[in-house]
Amino acid sequence: MKEKEFIEYIAKSIVDYPEDVRINVVEGEKTTLLELKVNPKDIGKIIGKSGSIIKALRTLLSSLDSKNGRHIALEIKE
């Protein structure tokens, strides 16, 4: 799944502890959920100021889901 690798690559580039980045993929009927887990010290970096980073990641995913016809959701797990 290219979406998983895409988000994993970006997340590892942003955080201080890239070895702790994990993505779990949950396939639904019409939606694919990507559960992003990072080191607790990196949560702020992934969310960004006023949620700017997570919003940008979700925007990038929405452009991918329009190409493949499935909705892709990104959720941060603690």
Protein backbone atom coordinates (compact mmCIF):
# COMPACT_ATOMS: atom_id res chain seq x y z
CA MET A 1 0.00 0.00 0.00
CA LYS A 2 1.67 3.15 -1.19
CA GLU A 3 -0.30 5.44 1.16
CA LYS A 4 1.20 3.73 4.21
CA GLU A 5 4.77 4.10 2.94
CA PHE A 6 4.10 7.70 1.92
CA ILE A 7 2.86 8.75 5.38
CA GLU A 8 5.56 6.70 7.10
CA TYR A 9 8.29 8.44 5.07
CA ILE A 10 6.94 11.91 5.87
CA ALA A 11 6.40 11.12 9.56
CA LYS A 12 9.93 9.74 9.95
CA SER A 13 11.29 12.91 8.34
CA ILE A 14 9.49 15.15 10.84
CA VAL A 15 9.99 13.40 14.20
CA ASP A 16 13.01 13.12 16.50
CA TYR A 17 12.49 9.38 17.05
CA PRO A 18 11.88 7.90 13.56
CA GLU A 19 12.45 4.36 14.82
CA ASP A 20 9.22 4.66 16.87
CA VAL A 21 6.99 5.49 13.89
CA ARG A 22 4.42 2.75 13.29
CA ILE A 23 1.43 2.68 10.97
CA ASN A 24 -1.39 0.19 11.31
CA VAL A 25 -3.71 -0.19 8.31
CA VAL A 26 -7.38 -1.00 8.94
CA GLU A 27 -9.30 -1.83 5.78
CA GLY A 28 -13.02 -1.13 5.76
CA GLU A 29 -15.63 -1.53 3.06
CA LYS A 30 -15.23 1.98 1.62
CA THR A 31 -12.54 3.46 3.86
CA THR A 32 -8.93 2.70 4.68
CA LEU A 33 -7.84 3.91 8.12
CA LEU A 34 -4.17 4.62 8.75
CA GLU A 35 -3.39 4.65 12.48
CA LEU A 36 -0.17 6.56 13.05
CA LYS A 37 1.72 5.88 16.25
CA VAL A 38 4.81 7.91 17.22
CA ASN A 39 6.91 8.44 20.32
CA PRO A 40 4.91 10.48 22.87
CA LYS A 41 7.57 13.21 22.69
CA ASP A 42 6.86 13.59 18.95
CA ILE A 43 3.07 14.01 19.10
CA GLY A 44 3.39 17.82 18.96
CA LYS A 45 5.62 17.64 15.89
CA ILE A 46 3.13 15.46 14.02
CA ILE A 47 0.16 17.64 14.95
CA GLY A 48 1.98 20.92 14.31
CA LYS A 49 1.05 24.42 15.37
CA SER A 50 -2.76 24.67 15.35
CA GLY A 51 -2.88 21.24 13.69
CA SER A 52 -1.16 22.43 10.53
CA ILE A 53 1.01 19.34 9.94
CA ILE A 54 -1.74 16.76 10.47
CA LYS A 55 -4.11 18.81 8.28
CA ALA A 56 -1.49 18.89 5.52
CA LEU A 57 -0.98 15.11 5.74
CA ARG A 58 -4.74 14.56 5.54
CA THR A 59 -4.97 16.90 2.54
CA LEU A 60 -2.26 14.92 0.75
CA LEU A 61 -4.11 11.68 1.50
CA SER A 62 -7.37 13.11 0.19
CA SER A 63 -5.70 13.77 -3.17
CA LEU A 64 -4.61 10.12 -3.25
CA ASP A 65 -8.04 8.79 -2.35
CA SER A 66 -9.66 10.69 -5.20
CA LYS A 67 -7.37 8.77 -7.57
CA ASN A 68 -8.19 5.30 -6.24
CA GLY A 69 -11.85 5.80 -5.32
CA ARG A 70 -11.47 4.90 -1.63
CA HIS A 71 -11.54 7.25 1.31
CA ILE A 72 -8.30 7.25 3.31
CA ALA A 73 -8.42 8.49 6.92
CA LEU A 74 -5.44 9.30 9.12
CA GLU A 75 -5.64 9.02 12.88
CA ILE A 76 -2.95 9.58 15.51
CA LYS A 77 -2.81 6.90 18.19
CA GLU A 78 -1.17 7.43 21.54
